Amino acid sequence: MKKLFFLAVMSVVGFTAVAQADATEVQADEVTITVTQDFEEISISDLPEAVSAALAKDYPTATIDKAYKNASDQYKLDLSLEDGTTGTLYADAEGNWIQL
C-alpha cells in the first residue's frame, strides 16, 4: 500500500514538474504600436475663425498656448485655464470638437 501511495505522489510530482518546464519555455512577444498624428505647429493667428469662436464659446477662460494642424485639417490646441490647469483639445476646420 505504501508503494502504491508513493507511486501516485511521484506521478503527480512528475507531471507537475513537466508542466512547469513547458510553461517557462513559452514566451510571448510584446508588440508596441505608436500612432503619430503628424501635427505641425502653426501660428495661433492662422486658426480658422470657426475654431476660435468655438473655443471662446465653450471655454471662455482658456488661453491658447500652442496650435497645431495636420494634413486632414484637424487642429490640436494646447490650452491653459485661469486656474493654472492645462489641457489639449482637438477640433476640425468647422469648429467641431473631435476626439483622436
PDB file of N, CA and C in Angstrom:
ATOM      1  N   MET A   1       0.812  -1.176   0.000  1.00  0.00           N
ATOM      2  CA  MET A   1       0.000   0.000   0.000  1.00  0.00           C
ATOM      3  C   MET A   1       0.868   1.257   0.000  1.00  0.00           C
ATOM      4  N   LYS A   2       1.965   1.203   0.779  1.00  0.00           N
ATOM      5  CA  LYS A   2       2.859   2.348   0.820  1.00  0.00           C
ATOM      6  C   LYS A   2       3.478   2.587  -0.552  1.00  0.00           C
ATOM      7  N   LYS A   3       3.814   1.528  -1.236  1.00  0.00           N
ATOM      8  CA  LYS A   3       4.415   1.661  -2.562  1.00  0.00           C
ATOM      9  C   LYS A   3       3.427   2.281  -3.543  1.00  0.00           C
ATOM     10  N   LEU A   4       2.169   1.914  -3.449  1.00  0.00           N
ATOM     11  CA  LEU A   4       1.150   2.455  -4.327  1.00  0.00           C
ATOM     12  C   LEU A   4       0.955   3.953  -4.073  1.00  0.00           C
ATOM     13  N   PHE A   5       0.893   4.337  -2.805  1.00  0.00           N
ATOM     14  CA  PHE A   5       0.771   5.736  -2.436  1.00  0.00           C
ATOM     15  C   PHE A   5       1.997   6.527  -2.908  1.00  0.00           C
ATOM     16  N   PHE A   6       3.173   5.983  -2.688  1.00  0.00           N
ATOM     17  CA  PHE A   6       4.415   6.630  -3.116  1.00  0.00           C
ATOM     18  C   PHE A   6       4.438   6.797  -4.632  1.00  0.00           C
ATOM     19  N   LEU A   7       3.997   5.795  -5.361  1.00  0.00           N
ATOM     20  CA  LEU A   7       3.952   5.851  -6.816  1.00  0.00           C
ATOM     21  C   LEU A   7       2.978   6.943  -7.285  1.00  0.00           C
ATOM     22  N   ALA A   8       1.828   7.066  -6.651  1.00  0.00           N
ATOM     23  CA  ALA A   8       0.843   8.099  -7.017  1.00  0.00           C
ATOM     24  C   ALA A   8       1.409   9.491  -6.767  1.00  0.00           C
ATOM     25  N   VAL A   9       2.063   9.694  -5.642  1.00  0.00           N
ATOM     26  CA  VAL A   9       2.654  11.006  -5.325  1.00  0.00           C
ATOM     27  C   VAL A   9       3.752  11.356  -6.314  1.00  0.00           C
ATOM     28  N   MET A  10       4.586  10.418  -6.643  1.00  0.00           N
ATOM     29  CA  MET A  10       5.678  10.665  -7.578  1.00  0.00           C
ATOM     30  C   MET A  10       5.139  10.975  -8.981  1.00  0.00           C
ATOM     31  N   SER A  11       4.038  10.339  -9.351  1.00  0.00           N
ATOM     32  CA  SER A  11       3.440  10.613 -10.660  1.00  0.00           C
ATOM     33  C   SER A  11       2.928  12.045 -10.724  1.00  0.00           C
ATOM     34  N   VAL A  12       2.252  12.481  -9.669  1.00  0.00           N
ATOM     35  CA  VAL A  12       1.730  13.850  -9.627  1.00  0.00           C
ATOM     36  C   VAL A  12       2.879  14.857  -9.644  1.00  0.00           C
ATOM     37  N   VAL A  13       3.912  14.600  -8.882  1.00  0.00           N
ATOM     38  CA  VAL A  13       5.075  15.490  -8.847  1.00  0.00           C
ATOM     39  C   VAL A  13       5.757  15.526 -10.216  1.00  0.00           C
ATOM     40  N   GLY A  14       5.866  14.383 -10.839  1.00  0.00           N
ATOM     41  CA  GLY A  14       6.499  14.317 -12.156  1.00  0.00           C
ATOM     42  C   GLY A  14       5.716  15.092 -13.203  1.00  0.00           C
ATOM     43  N   PHE A  15       4.382  14.963 -13.211  1.00  0.00           N
ATOM     44  CA  PHE A  15       3.563  15.703 -14.164  1.00  0.00           C
ATOM     45  C   PHE A  15       3.614  17.200 -13.901  1.00  0.00           C
ATOM     46  N   THR A  16       3.643  17.572 -12.626  1.00  0.00           N
ATOM     47  CA  THR A  16       3.724  18.993 -12.271  1.00  0.00           C
ATOM     48  C   THR A  16       5.047  19.579 -12.732  1.00  0.00           C
ATOM     49  N   ALA A  17       6.120  18.866 -12.555  1.00  0.00           N
ATOM     50  CA  ALA A  17       7.431  19.348 -12.970  1.00  0.00           C
ATOM     51  C   ALA A  17       7.493  19.512 -14.479  1.00  0.00           C
ATOM     52  N   VAL A  18       6.917  18.595 -15.225  1.00  0.00           N
ATOM     53  CA  VAL A  18       6.907  18.677 -16.680  1.00  0.00           C
ATOM     54  C   VAL A  18       6.054  19.857 -17.128  1.00  0.00           C
ATOM     55  N   ALA A  19       4.908  20.055 -16.475  1.00  0.00           N
ATOM     56  CA  ALA A  19       4.027  21.166 -16.837  1.00  0.00           C
ATOM     57  C   ALA A  19       4.708  22.497 -16.569  1.00  0.00           C
ATOM     58  N   GLN A  20       5.442  22.612 -15.485  1.00  0.00           N
ATOM     59  CA  GLN A  20       6.135  23.846 -15.175  1.00  0.00           C
ATOM     60  C   GLN A  20       7.259  24.104 -16.160  1.00  0.00           C
ATOM     61  N   ALA A  21       7.951  23.100 -16.563  1.00  0.00           N
ATOM     62  CA  ALA A  21       9.051  23.269 -17.510  1.00  0.00           C
ATOM     63  C   ALA A  21       8.517  23.763 -18.842  1.00  0.00           C
ATOM     64  N   ASP A  22       7.400  23.229 -19.292  1.00  0.00           N
ATOM     65  CA  ASP A  22       6.806  23.679 -20.551  1.00  0.00           C
ATOM     66  C   ASP A  22       6.317  25.118 -20.448  1.00  0.00           C
ATOM     67  N   ALA A  23       5.776  25.495 -19.314  1.00  0.00           N
ATOM     68  CA  ALA A  23       5.235  26.838 -19.150  1.00  0.00           C
ATOM     69  C   ALA A  23       6.343  27.891 -19.187  1.00  0.00           C
ATOM     70  N   THR A  24       7.504  27.561 -18.675  1.00  0.00           N
ATOM     71  CA  THR A  24       8.577  28.545 -18.663  1.00  0.00           C
ATOM     72  C   THR A  24       9.232  28.703 -20.025  1.00  0.00           C
ATOM     73  N   GLU A  25       9.099  27.709 -20.880  1.00  0.00           N
ATOM     74  CA  GLU A  25       9.712  27.791 -22.192  1.00  0.00           C
ATOM     75  C   GLU A  25       8.917  28.657 -23.162  1.00  0.00           C
ATOM     76  N   VAL A  26       7.634  28.831 -22.899  1.00  0.00           N
ATOM     77  CA  VAL A  26       6.781  29.625 -23.780  1.00  0.00           C
ATOM     78  C   VAL A  26       6.900  31.089 -23.376  1.00  0.00           C
ATOM     79  N   GLN A  27       7.269  31.921 -24.326  1.00  0.00           N
ATOM     80  CA  GLN A  27       7.378  33.352 -24.062  1.00  0.00           C
ATOM     81  C   GLN A  27       6.579  34.103 -25.112  1.00  0.00           C
ATOM     82  N   ALA A  28       5.854  35.108 -24.663  1.00  0.00           N
ATOM     83  CA  ALA A  28       5.055  35.917 -25.586  1.00  0.00           C
ATOM     84  C   ALA A  28       5.885  37.120 -26.028  1.00  0.00           C
ATOM     85  N   ASP A  29       5.811  37.418 -27.302  1.00  0.00           N
ATOM     86  CA  ASP A  29       6.481  38.608 -27.822  1.00  0.00           C
ATOM     87  C   ASP A  29       5.558  39.806 -27.639  1.00  0.00           C
ATOM     88  N   GLU A  30       6.107  40.896 -27.169  1.00  0.00           N
ATOM     89  CA  GLU A  30       5.314  42.106 -26.988  1.00  0.00           C
ATOM     90  C   GLU A  30       5.459  42.985 -28.220  1.00  0.00           C
ATOM     91  N   VAL A  31       4.338  43.536 -28.647  1.00  0.00           N
ATOM     92  CA  VAL A  31       4.323  44.427 -29.793  1.00  0.00           C
ATOM     93  C   VAL A  31       3.761  45.764 -29.334  1.00  0.00           C
ATOM     94  N   THR A  32       4.472  46.824 -29.601  1.00  0.00           N
ATOM     95  CA  THR A  32       4.019  48.157 -29.263  1.00  0.00           C
ATOM     96  C   THR A  32       3.753  48.909 -30.545  1.00  0.00           C
ATOM     97  N   ILE A  33       2.562  49.497 -30.630  1.00  0.00           N
ATOM     98  CA  ILE A  33       2.184  50.272 -31.808  1.00  0.00           C
ATOM     99  C   ILE A  33       2.058  51.723 -31.391  1.00  0.00           C
ATOM    100  N   THR A  34       2.749  52.591 -32.086  1.00  0.00           N
ATOM    101  CA  THR A  34       2.681  54.012 -31.821  1.00  0.00           C
ATOM    102  C   THR A  34       2.045  54.697 -33.019  1.00  0.00           C
ATOM    103  N   VAL A  35       1.000  55.468 -32.750  1.00  0.00           N
ATOM    104  CA  VAL A  35       0.317  56.187 -33.817  1.00  0.00           C
ATOM    105  C   VAL A  35       0.754  57.640 -33.761  1.00  0.00           C
ATOM    106  N   THR A  36       1.278  58.123 -34.850  1.00  0.00           N
ATOM    107  CA  THR A  36       1.692  59.510 -34.939  1.00  0.00           C
ATOM    108  C   THR A  36       0.677  60.260 -35.765  1.00  0.00           C
ATOM    109  N   GLN A  37       0.215  61.368 -35.232  1.00  0.00           N
ATOM    110  CA  GLN A  37      -0.838  62.100 -35.898  1.00  0.00           C
ATOM    111  C   GLN A  37      -0.287  63.202 -36.793  1.00  0.00           C
ATOM    112  N   ASP A  38       0.999  63.395 -36.820  1.00  0.00           N
ATOM    113  CA  ASP A  38       1.671  64.327 -37.721  1.00  0.00           C
ATOM    114  C   ASP A  38       1.109  65.743 -37.670  1.00  0.00           C
ATOM    115  N   PHE A  39       0.974  66.285 -36.484  1.00  0.00           N
ATOM    116  CA  PHE A  39       0.565  67.670 -36.340  1.00  0.00           C
ATOM    117  C   PHE A  39       1.797  68.554 -36.457  1.00  0.00           C
ATOM    118  N   GLU A  40       1.659  69.652 -37.174  1.00  0.00           N
ATOM    119  CA  GLU A  40       2.731  70.632 -37.289  1.00  0.00           C
ATOM    120  C   GLU A  40       2.276  71.923 -36.623  1.00  0.00           C
ATOM    121  N   GLU A  41       3.181  72.543 -35.899  1.00  0.00           N
ATOM    122  CA  GLU A  41       2.833  73.769 -35.184  1.00  0.00           C
ATOM    123  C   GLU A  41       2.535  74.893 -36.175  1.00  0.00           C
ATOM    124  N   ILE A  42       1.486  75.640 -35.864  1.00  0.00           N
ATOM    125  CA  ILE A  42       1.111  76.804 -36.673  1.00  0.00           C
ATOM    126  C   ILE A  42       0.964  78.004 -35.746  1.00  0.00           C
ATOM    127  N   SER A  43       0.877  79.166 -36.330  1.00  0.00           N
ATOM    128  CA  SER A  43       0.649  80.382 -35.554  1.00  0.00           C
ATOM    129  C   SER A  43      -0.804  80.391 -35.077  1.00  0.00           C
ATOM    130  N   ILE A  44      -1.025  80.917 -33.896  1.00  0.00           N
ATOM    131  CA  ILE A  44      -2.380  80.994 -33.346  1.00  0.00           C
ATOM    132  C   ILE A  44      -3.268  81.853 -34.248  1.00  0.00           C
ATOM    133  N   SER A  45      -2.690  82.839 -34.886  1.00  0.00           N
ATOM    134  CA  SER A  45      -3.473  83.690 -35.787  1.00  0.00           C
ATOM    135  C   SER A  45      -3.904  82.958 -37.054  1.00  0.00           C
ATOM    136  N   ASP A  46      -3.307  81.798 -37.344  1.00  0.00           N
ATOM    137  CA  ASP A  46      -3.681  81.007 -38.521  1.00  0.00           C
ATOM    138  C   ASP A  46      -4.854  80.065 -38.264  1.00  0.00           C
ATOM    139  N   LEU A  47      -5.375  80.040 -37.038  1.00  0.00           N
ATOM    140  CA  LEU A  47      -6.527  79.194 -36.745  1.00  0.00           C
ATOM    141  C   LEU A  47      -7.764  79.720 -37.473  1.00  0.00           C
ATOM    142  N   PRO A  48      -8.611  78.834 -37.972  1.00  0.00           N
ATOM    143  CA  PRO A  48      -9.849  79.285 -38.601  1.00  0.00           C
ATOM    144  C   PRO A  48     -10.742  80.008 -37.588  1.00  0.00           C
ATOM    145  N   GLU A  49     -11.531  80.935 -38.075  1.00  0.00           N
ATOM    146  CA  GLU A  49     -12.425  81.697 -37.200  1.00  0.00           C
ATOM    147  C   GLU A  49     -13.396  80.773 -36.469  1.00  0.00           C
ATOM    148  N   ALA A  50     -13.838  79.704 -37.129  1.00  0.00           N
ATOM    149  CA  ALA A  50     -14.783  78.771 -36.507  1.00  0.00           C
ATOM    150  C   ALA A  50     -14.176  78.099 -35.273  1.00  0.00           C
ATOM    151  N   VAL A  51     -12.906  77.761 -35.327  1.00  0.00           N
ATOM    152  CA  VAL A  51     -12.237  77.126 -34.188  1.00  0.00           C
ATOM    153  C   VAL A  51     -12.082  78.131 -33.050  1.00  0.00           C
ATOM    154  N   SER A  52     -11.681  79.347 -33.379  1.00  0.00           N
ATOM    155  CA  SER A  52     -11.538  80.388 -32.353  1.00  0.00           C
ATOM    156  C   SER A  52     -12.870  80.711 -31.707  1.00  0.00           C
ATOM    157  N   ALA A  53     -13.938  80.769 -32.512  1.00  0.00           N
ATOM    158  CA  ALA A  53     -15.270  81.074 -31.978  1.00  0.00           C
ATOM    159  C   ALA A  53     -15.772  79.950 -31.070  1.00  0.00           C
ATOM    160  N   ALA A  54     -15.538  78.708 -31.467  1.00  0.00           N
ATOM    161  CA  ALA A  54     -15.949  77.568 -30.645  1.00  0.00           C
ATOM    162  C   ALA A  54     -15.210  77.560 -29.316  1.00  0.00           C
ATOM    163  N   LEU A  55     -13.934  77.900 -29.342  1.00  0.00           N
ATOM    164  CA  LEU A  55     -13.153  77.961 -28.114  1.00  0.00           C
ATOM    165  C   LEU A  55     -13.672  79.062 -27.202  1.00  0.00           C
ATOM    166  N   ALA A  56     -13.951  80.241 -27.763  1.00  0.00           N
ATOM    167  CA  ALA A  56     -14.455  81.358 -26.964  1.00  0.00           C
ATOM    168  C   ALA A  56     -15.822  81.032 -26.364  1.00  0.00           C
ATOM    169  N   LYS A  57     -16.640  80.292 -27.110  1.00  0.00           N
ATOM    170  CA  LYS A  57     -17.979  79.936 -26.632  1.00  0.00           C
ATOM    171  C   LYS A  57     -17.931  78.869 -25.548  1.00  0.00           C
ATOM    172  N   ASP A  58     -17.190  77.789 -25.790  1.00  0.00           N
ATOM    173  CA  ASP A  58     -17.191  76.646 -24.876  1.00  0.00           C
ATOM    174  C   ASP A  58     -16.177  76.746 -23.741  1.00  0.00           C
ATOM    175  N   TYR A  59     -15.103  77.471 -23.950  1.00  0.00           N
ATOM    176  CA  TYR A  59     -14.044  77.614 -22.944  1.00  0.00           C
ATOM    177  C   TYR A  59     -13.639  79.086 -22.849  1.00  0.00           C
ATOM    178  N   PRO A  60     -14.486  79.925 -22.302  1.00  0.00           N
ATOM    179  CA  PRO A  60     -14.207  81.371 -22.316  1.00  0.00           C
ATOM    180  C   PRO A  60     -12.980  81.787 -21.506  1.00  0.00           C
ATOM    181  N   THR A  61     -12.559  80.989 -20.536  1.00  0.00           N
ATOM    182  CA  THR A  61     -11.394  81.357 -19.726  1.00  0.00           C
ATOM    183  C   THR A  61     -10.099  80.744 -20.243  1.00  0.00           C
ATOM    184  N   ALA A  62     -10.164  80.027 -21.359  1.00  0.00           N
ATOM    185  CA  ALA A  62      -8.982  79.338 -21.891  1.00  0.00           C
ATOM    186  C   ALA A  62      -8.108  80.273 -22.708  1.00  0.00           C
ATOM    187  N   THR A  63      -6.806  80.029 -22.625  1.00  0.00           N
ATOM    188  CA  THR A  63      -5.819  80.735 -23.432  1.00  0.00           C
ATOM    189  C   THR A  63      -5.066  79.699 -24.263  1.00  0.00           C
ATOM    190  N   ILE A  64      -4.929  79.947 -25.537  1.00  0.00           N
ATOM    191  CA  ILE A  64      -4.216  79.014 -26.412  1.00  0.00           C
ATOM    192  C   ILE A  64      -2.714  79.230 -26.243  1.00  0.00           C
ATOM    193  N   ASP A  65      -2.010  78.182 -25.839  1.00  0.00           N
ATOM    194  CA  ASP A  65      -0.554  78.255 -25.708  1.00  0.00           C
ATOM    195  C   ASP A  65       0.120  77.937 -27.038  1.00  0.00           C
ATOM    196  N   LYS A  66      -0.345  76.863 -27.690  1.00  0.00           N
ATOM    197  CA  LYS A  66       0.207  76.465 -28.984  1.00  0.00           C
ATOM    198  C   LYS A  66      -0.913  75.887 -29.821  1.00  0.00           C
ATOM    199  N   ALA A  67      -0.776  76.006 -31.127  1.00  0.00           N
ATOM    200  CA  ALA A  67      -1.755  75.442 -32.060  1.00  0.00           C
ATOM    201  C   ALA A  67      -1.013  74.588 -33.084  1.00  0.00           C
ATOM    202  N   TYR A  68      -1.651  73.505 -33.492  1.00  0.00           N
ATOM    203  CA  TYR A  68      -1.066  72.581 -34.457  1.00  0.00           C
ATOM    204  C   TYR A  68      -2.131  72.211 -35.490  1.00  0.00           C
ATOM    205  N   LYS A  69      -1.683  71.805 -36.666  1.00  0.00           N
ATOM    206  CA  LYS A  69      -2.586  71.391 -37.730  1.00  0.00           C
ATOM    207  C   LYS A  69      -2.010  70.155 -38.402  1.00  0.00           C
ATOM    208  N   ASN A  70      -2.897  69.219 -38.819  1.00  0.00           N
ATOM    209  CA  ASN A  70      -2.424  68.061 -39.569  1.00  0.00           C
ATOM    210  C   ASN A  70      -2.946  68.120 -41.002  1.00  0.00           C
ATOM    211  N   ALA A  71      -2.623  67.136 -41.804  1.00  0.00           N
ATOM    212  CA  ALA A  71      -2.982  67.117 -43.222  1.00  0.00           C
ATOM    213  C   ALA A  71      -4.484  66.988 -43.442  1.00  0.00           C
ATOM    214  N   SER A  72      -5.226  66.522 -42.444  1.00  0.00           N
ATOM    215  CA  SER A  72      -6.681  66.364 -42.564  1.00  0.00           C
ATOM    216  C   SER A  72      -7.438  67.605 -42.111  1.00  0.00           C
ATOM    217  N   ASP A  73      -6.764  68.728 -41.993  1.00  0.00           N
ATOM    218  CA  ASP A  73      -7.355  69.979 -41.497  1.00  0.00           C
ATOM    219  C   ASP A  73      -7.985  69.803 -40.119  1.00  0.00           C
ATOM    220  N   GLN A  74      -7.299  69.074 -39.258  1.00  0.00           N
ATOM    221  CA  GLN A  74      -7.692  68.949 -37.867  1.00  0.00           C
ATOM    222  C   GLN A  74      -6.701  69.761 -37.043  1.00  0.00           C
ATOM    223  N   TYR A  75      -7.203  70.360 -35.973  1.00  0.00           N
ATOM    224  CA  TYR A  75      -6.388  71.266 -35.182  1.00  0.00           C
ATOM    225  C   TYR A  75      -6.241  70.735 -33.770  1.00  0.00           C
ATOM    226  N   LYS A  76      -5.035  70.839 -33.254  1.00  0.00           N
ATOM    227  CA  LYS A  76      -4.712  70.457 -31.884  1.00  0.00           C
ATOM    228  C   LYS A  76      -4.387  71.750 -31.151  1.00  0.00           C
ATOM    229  N   LEU A  77      -5.056  71.973 -30.019  1.00  0.00           N
ATOM    230  CA  LEU A  77      -4.865  73.204 -29.261  1.00  0.00           C
ATOM    231  C   LEU A  77      -4.363  72.859 -27.864  1.00  0.00           C
ATOM    232  N   ASP A  78      -3.210  73.377 -27.500  1.00  0.00           N
ATOM    233  CA  ASP A  78      -2.710  73.271 -26.132  1.00  0.00           C
ATOM    234  C   ASP A  78      -3.200  74.508 -25.395  1.00  0.00           C
ATOM    235  N   LEU A  79      -3.965  74.282 -24.310  1.00  0.00           N
ATOM    236  CA  LEU A  79      -4.639  75.376 -23.613  1.00  0.00           C
ATOM    237  C   LEU A  79      -4.186  75.499 -22.173  1.00  0.00           C
ATOM    238  N   SER A  80      -4.373  76.696 -21.639  1.00  0.00           N
ATOM    239  CA  SER A  80      -4.202  76.966 -20.216  1.00  0.00           C
ATOM    240  C   SER A  80      -5.467  77.658 -19.734  1.00  0.00           C
ATOM    241  N   LEU A  81      -5.923  77.292 -18.543  1.00  0.00           N
ATOM    242  CA  LEU A  81      -7.082  77.947 -17.942  1.00  0.00           C
ATOM    243  C   LEU A  81      -6.617  78.903 -16.864  1.00  0.00           C
ATOM    244  N   GLU A  82      -7.518  79.778 -16.427  1.00  0.00           N
ATOM    245  CA  GLU A  82      -7.166  80.780 -15.421  1.00  0.00           C
ATOM    246  C   GLU A  82      -6.684  80.157 -14.122  1.00  0.00           C
ATOM    247  N   ASP A  83      -7.207  78.986 -13.762  1.00  0.00           N
ATOM    248  CA  ASP A  83      -6.813  78.354 -12.501  1.00  0.00           C
ATOM    249  C   ASP A  83      -5.480  77.619 -12.583  1.00  0.00           C
ATOM    250  N   GLY A  84      -4.820  77.693 -13.751  1.00  0.00           N
ATOM    251  CA  GLY A  84      -3.499  77.093 -13.913  1.00  0.00           C
ATOM    252  C   GLY A  84      -3.492  75.705 -14.517  1.00  0.00           C
ATOM    253  N   THR A  85      -4.654  75.122 -14.726  1.00  0.00           N
ATOM    254  CA  THR A  85      -4.695  73.802 -15.348  1.00  0.00           C
ATOM    255  C   THR A  85      -4.451  73.913 -16.847  1.00  0.00           C
ATOM    256  N   THR A  86      -3.931  72.854 -17.418  1.00  0.00           N
ATOM    257  CA  THR A  86      -3.657  72.833 -18.848  1.00  0.00           C
ATOM    258  C   THR A  86      -4.352  71.631 -19.465  1.00  0.00           C
ATOM    259  N   GLY A  87      -4.523  71.676 -20.769  1.00  0.00           N
ATOM    260  CA  GLY A  87      -5.161  70.570 -21.455  1.00  0.00           C
ATOM    261  C   GLY A  87      -4.975  70.684 -22.949  1.00  0.00           C
ATOM    262  N   THR A  88      -5.473  69.694 -23.655  1.00  0.00           N
ATOM    263  CA  THR A  88      -5.374  69.650 -25.106  1.00  0.00           C
ATOM    264  C   THR A  88      -6.748  69.358 -25.675  1.00  0.00           C
ATOM    265  N   LEU A  89      -7.139  70.106 -26.686  1.00  0.00           N
ATOM    266  CA  LEU A  89      -8.399  69.894 -27.392  1.00  0.00           C
ATOM    267  C   LEU A  89      -8.099  69.691 -28.868  1.00  0.00           C
ATOM    268  N   TYR A  90      -8.979  68.961 -29.529  1.00  0.00           N
ATOM    269  CA  TYR A  90      -8.863  68.728 -30.961  1.00  0.00           C
ATOM    270  C   TYR A  90     -10.144  69.226 -31.625  1.00  0.00           C
ATOM    271  N   ALA A  91     -10.008  69.882 -32.772  1.00  0.00           N
ATOM    272  CA  ALA A  91     -11.163  70.414 -33.493  1.00  0.00           C
ATOM    273  C   ALA A  91     -10.964  70.225 -34.986  1.00  0.00           C
ATOM    274  N   ASP A  92     -12.087  70.187 -35.705  1.00  0.00           N
ATOM    275  CA  ASP A  92     -11.989  70.177 -37.166  1.00  0.00           C
ATOM    276  C   ASP A  92     -12.064  71.626 -37.656  1.00  0.00           C
ATOM    277  N   ALA A  93     -11.978  71.846 -38.946  1.00  0.00           N
ATOM    278  CA  ALA A  93     -11.922  73.195 -39.513  1.00  0.00           C
ATOM    279  C   ALA A  93     -13.226  73.966 -39.304  1.00  0.00           C
ATOM    280  N   GLU A  94     -14.346  73.240 -39.044  1.00  0.00           N
ATOM    281  CA  GLU A  94     -15.628  73.896 -38.830  1.00  0.00           C
ATOM    282  C   GLU A  94     -15.865  74.270 -37.369  1.00  0.00           C
ATOM    283  N   GLY A  95     -14.915  73.971 -36.505  1.00  0.00           N
ATOM    284  CA  GLY A  95     -15.044  74.308 -35.088  1.00  0.00           C
ATOM    285  C   GLY A  95     -15.743  73.254 -34.253  1.00  0.00           C
ATOM    286  N   ASN A  96     -15.875  72.046 -34.778  1.00  0.00           N
ATOM    287  CA  ASN A  96     -16.469  70.945 -34.024  1.00  0.00           C
ATOM    288  C   ASN A  96     -15.385  70.236 -33.232  1.00  0.00           C
ATOM    289  N   TRP A  97     -15.659  69.934 -31.969  1.00  0.00           N
ATOM    290  CA  TRP A  97     -14.683  69.238 -31.137  1.00  0.00           C
ATOM    291  C   TRP A  97     -14.668  67.768 -31.537  1.00  0.00           C
ATOM    292  N   ILE A  98     -13.484  67.216 -31.645  1.00  0.00           N
ATOM    293  CA  ILE A  98     -13.324  65.817 -32.034  1.00  0.00           C
ATOM    294  C   ILE A  98     -12.411  65.125 -31.033  1.00  0.00           C
ATOM    295  N   GLN A  99     -12.454  63.808 -31.026  1.00  0.00           N
ATOM    296  CA  GLN A  99     -11.551  63.025 -30.177  1.00  0.00           C
ATOM    297  C   GLN A  99     -10.643  62.200 -31.065  1.00  0.00           C
ATOM    298  N   LEU A 100      -9.363  62.272 -30.792  1.00  0.00           N
ATOM    299  CA  LEU A 100      -8.377  61.488 -31.545  1.00  0.00           C
ATOM    300  C   LEU A 100      -7.725  60.489 -30.636  1.00  0.00           C
TER     301      LEU A 100
END
